[in-house]
């Protein structure tokens, strides 16, 4: 089993920055991708960003490109999401996800990932 714990959420004004962290309970050797998703009230969970643990290849939702940066820290078994120029529409619960089993689902699809964190709230005030 792999447990994921997110941290770093909070309340920030529009234009501000936050860095989310996702710590894995064990070394992520063998993990294919790790990603961030978010879910706003009344909306479906949506893809934000993902990183290939081995190649560091990244993918971003259009809404995140140019503002968010995903990175990994092997030594800490963690994935970071640096969020800049935050907007009120970024308000959501942000979830970390890990893909441990090979599958053909798109990187942006929640179906690709087998493990999920409990989420951390990000609120951006206008």
Foldseek 3Di string as FASTA:
>chain_A
DKAKAKDWADEEAAQAKIKMKIFIPDQPVQWAKKFKWWDDPPGDIWGAKMAGPPPRDMDGDPVQPPFWDWDDDRVRRMIMIIGGRDDQVVWTWMKMFIARDDDDDDPGDPVRTDYMYPTDTHGYHD
